[in-house]
């Protein structure tokens, strides 16, 4: 299956992700079409495209596209969990510094999710934490778990909490 996508101003390359697994990398050298082939597509997979810059600016860490889903028809189409949808999730925390799996720097409001449930690029609110942007994964973030970023000791003292998340 081939995914064709639009150029983002200032981007030097793109990484295409399926359920937070890298599907392909495309360098932008001005070619007429930007596309990548997913050799192992799976039904209802969530796709995200990260546009990467090379100018050393903070934006060079990535800008995520809207989420897409592989529909039963075989077409990749825009996808969003409806705003206002609420879920009960386990909320854990981390305090690692650096870049997330998607290329965005860790910071308050950047959260790790299982992209089979919440696609990258989704914005949501966690009761007792605040607003999150789904942009990271974790090897043990499986199912209905969200890992929120907190600085130092705050992350250590968070523990595991059952909270409501609300899609924005």
Protein backbone atom coordinates (compact mmCIF):
# COMPACT_ATOMS: atom_id res chain seq x y z
CA UNK A 1 0.00 0.00 0.00
CA UNK A 2 1.41 3.41 -0.97
CA UNK A 3 0.77 6.53 1.07
CA UNK A 4 1.13 9.84 -0.77
CA UNK A 5 1.28 13.04 1.25
CA UNK A 6 1.71 16.80 0.89
CA UNK A 7 4.90 18.78 1.38
CA UNK A 8 5.29 20.84 4.58
CA UNK A 9 7.08 24.20 4.25
CA UNK A 10 10.56 24.01 5.75
CA UNK A 11 10.63 20.22 6.03
CA UNK A 12 13.74 18.42 4.80
CA UNK A 13 12.48 14.88 5.41
CA UNK A 14 9.44 12.93 6.55
CA UNK A 15 8.99 9.81 8.63
CA UNK A 16 5.79 7.82 8.25
CA UNK A 17 4.59 5.81 11.25
CA UNK A 18 2.03 2.99 11.51
CA UNK A 19 0.90 2.37 15.10
CA UNK A 20 4.21 4.01 16.16
CA UNK A 21 6.26 1.64 14.03
CA UNK A 22 8.36 3.38 11.40
CA UNK A 23 7.10 2.52 7.92
CA UNK A 24 9.49 4.68 5.96
CA UNK A 25 11.66 7.75 5.64
CA UNK A 26 11.49 10.19 2.72
CA UNK A 27 14.10 12.87 2.04
CA UNK A 28 12.59 15.94 0.37
CA UNK A 29 14.80 16.96 -2.53
CA UNK A 30 12.00 18.62 -4.48
CA UNK A 31 10.52 15.52 -6.12
CA UNK A 32 7.04 15.91 -7.59
CA UNK A 33 5.43 13.35 -5.27
CA UNK A 34 6.13 12.44 -1.65
CA UNK A 35 5.12 8.87 -0.89
CA UNK A 36 6.11 5.79 1.06
CA UNK A 37 5.06 2.16 0.72
CA UNK A 38 3.82 0.21 3.73
CA UNK A 39 4.75 -3.41 3.01
CA UNK A 40 2.79 -4.76 5.99
CA UNK A 41 -0.42 -2.72 6.36
CA UNK A 42 -2.94 -3.90 8.91
CA UNK A 43 -6.65 -3.24 9.22
CA UNK A 44 -7.55 -0.11 11.25
CA UNK A 45 -3.90 0.89 11.63
CA UNK A 46 -3.27 4.48 12.67
CA UNK A 47 -0.79 6.45 10.55
CA UNK A 48 1.05 9.66 11.37
CA UNK A 49 3.55 11.62 9.29
CA UNK A 50 6.30 13.59 11.03
CA UNK A 51 7.73 16.49 9.02
CA UNK A 52 11.35 17.07 10.02
CA UNK A 53 13.46 20.18 9.51
CA UNK A 54 17.23 20.47 9.29
CA UNK A 55 17.83 24.10 10.25
CA UNK A 56 18.61 23.48 13.93
CA UNK A 57 15.49 25.31 15.13
CA UNK A 58 13.27 23.90 17.85
CA UNK A 59 10.87 22.93 15.07
CA UNK A 60 13.52 20.56 13.71
CA UNK A 61 12.33 17.98 16.21
CA UNK A 62 9.18 17.28 14.21
CA UNK A 63 5.66 18.36 13.47
CA UNK A 64 3.02 15.63 13.41
CA UNK A 65 0.27 15.39 10.82
CA UNK A 66 -3.30 14.78 11.74
CA UNK A 67 -3.94 11.08 12.44
CA UNK A 68 -5.02 8.79 9.61
CA UNK A 69 -6.53 5.30 9.63
CA UNK A 70 -6.44 2.44 7.14
CA UNK A 71 -10.13 1.90 6.42
CA UNK A 72 -11.74 -1.41 5.44
CA UNK A 73 -11.85 -0.07 1.87
CA UNK A 74 -8.03 -0.05 1.80
CA UNK A 75 -7.87 3.75 1.70
CA UNK A 76 -5.90 5.81 4.20
CA UNK A 77 -8.25 8.52 5.45
CA UNK A 78 -8.26 11.21 8.16
CA UNK A 79 -9.22 9.93 11.59
CA UNK A 80 -10.08 11.51 14.91
CA UNK A 81 -11.65 10.32 18.13
CA UNK A 82 -14.67 12.61 18.54
CA UNK A 83 -14.09 15.63 20.81
CA UNK A 84 -15.64 15.14 24.23
CA UNK A 85 -15.15 11.36 24.22
CA UNK A 86 -14.09 10.22 27.69
CA UNK A 87 -12.13 7.16 28.77
CA UNK A 88 -10.93 5.79 32.10
CA UNK A 89 -7.19 5.13 31.78
CA UNK A 90 -4.29 4.27 34.04
CA UNK A 91 -2.00 7.31 34.16
CA UNK A 92 1.69 6.84 34.87
CA UNK A 93 4.53 9.35 34.54
CA UNK A 94 8.04 9.68 33.18
CA UNK A 95 10.76 12.33 33.38
CA UNK A 96 13.21 11.36 30.62
CA UNK A 97 14.71 14.34 28.82
CA UNK A 98 15.33 14.46 25.09
CA UNK A 99 13.26 13.54 22.10
CA UNK A 100 10.16 11.41 22.05
CA UNK A 101 9.76 8.54 19.61
CA UNK A 102 7.99 10.94 17.21
CA UNK A 103 10.86 13.45 17.37
CA UNK A 104 9.25 16.09 19.60
CA UNK A 105 11.16 17.16 22.71
CA UNK A 106 9.82 15.88 26.04
CA UNK A 107 8.08 18.53 28.14
CA UNK A 108 4.97 19.17 30.20
CA UNK A 109 1.95 18.23 28.12
CA UNK A 110 3.75 15.64 25.97
CA UNK A 111 2.38 12.16 26.65
CA UNK A 112 3.13 8.59 25.67
CA UNK A 113 0.24 6.44 24.42
CA UNK A 114 -0.50 3.13 22.77
CA UNK A 115 -1.20 4.42 19.27
CA UNK A 116 -3.55 1.52 18.55
CA UNK A 117 -5.93 3.29 20.98
CA UNK A 118 -4.96 6.97 20.81
CA UNK A 119 -3.18 8.02 17.61
CA UNK A 120 -0.21 10.39 17.71
CA UNK A 121 -1.28 13.98 17.21
CA UNK A 122 -4.38 13.58 19.40
CA UNK A 123 -4.95 16.26 22.03
CA UNK A 124 -6.69 15.34 25.28
CA UNK A 125 -7.08 16.40 28.90
CA UNK A 126 -6.10 14.22 31.86
CA UNK A 127 -8.00 15.02 35.07
CA UNK A 128 -5.49 16.16 37.68
CA UNK A 129 -2.68 16.72 35.15
CA UNK A 130 -3.90 19.00 32.39
CA UNK A 131 -3.66 18.92 28.61
CA UNK A 132 -1.68 16.32 26.69
CA UNK A 133 -0.42 15.91 23.15
CA UNK A 134 0.06 12.27 22.15
CA UNK A 135 3.60 12.16 20.73
CA UNK A 136 5.48 9.36 22.43
CA UNK A 137 5.35 5.63 23.11
CA UNK A 138 6.84 3.41 25.74
CA UNK A 139 7.65 -0.28 25.56
CA UNK A 140 5.26 -1.01 28.41
CA UNK A 141 2.57 1.55 27.40
CA UNK A 142 0.12 -1.05 26.15
CA UNK A 143 -3.65 -0.70 26.04
CA UNK A 144 -5.43 1.88 28.16
CA UNK A 145 -2.39 3.55 29.73
CA UNK A 146 -1.16 7.12 29.26
CA UNK A 147 2.31 8.14 30.45
CA UNK A 148 2.44 11.89 31.26
CA UNK A 149 5.69 13.85 31.39
CA UNK A 150 6.57 15.48 34.72
CA UNK A 151 9.87 16.96 35.93
CA UNK A 152 12.14 14.99 38.30
CA UNK A 153 10.66 14.07 41.66
CA UNK A 154 7.12 14.95 40.54
CA UNK A 155 7.27 12.05 38.09
CA UNK A 156 8.70 9.76 40.75
CA UNK A 157 5.88 10.54 43.20
CA UNK A 158 3.01 10.31 40.67
CA UNK A 159 2.71 6.52 40.83
CA UNK A 160 -0.14 4.84 38.93
CA UNK A 161 -3.47 6.62 39.05
CA UNK A 162 -6.84 5.84 37.46
CA UNK A 163 -8.05 9.05 35.77
CA UNK A 164 -10.56 10.23 33.18
CA UNK A 165 -9.17 11.51 29.90
CA UNK A 166 -11.25 13.72 27.63
CA UNK A 167 -10.47 14.02 23.93
CA UNK A 168 -10.22 17.66 22.80
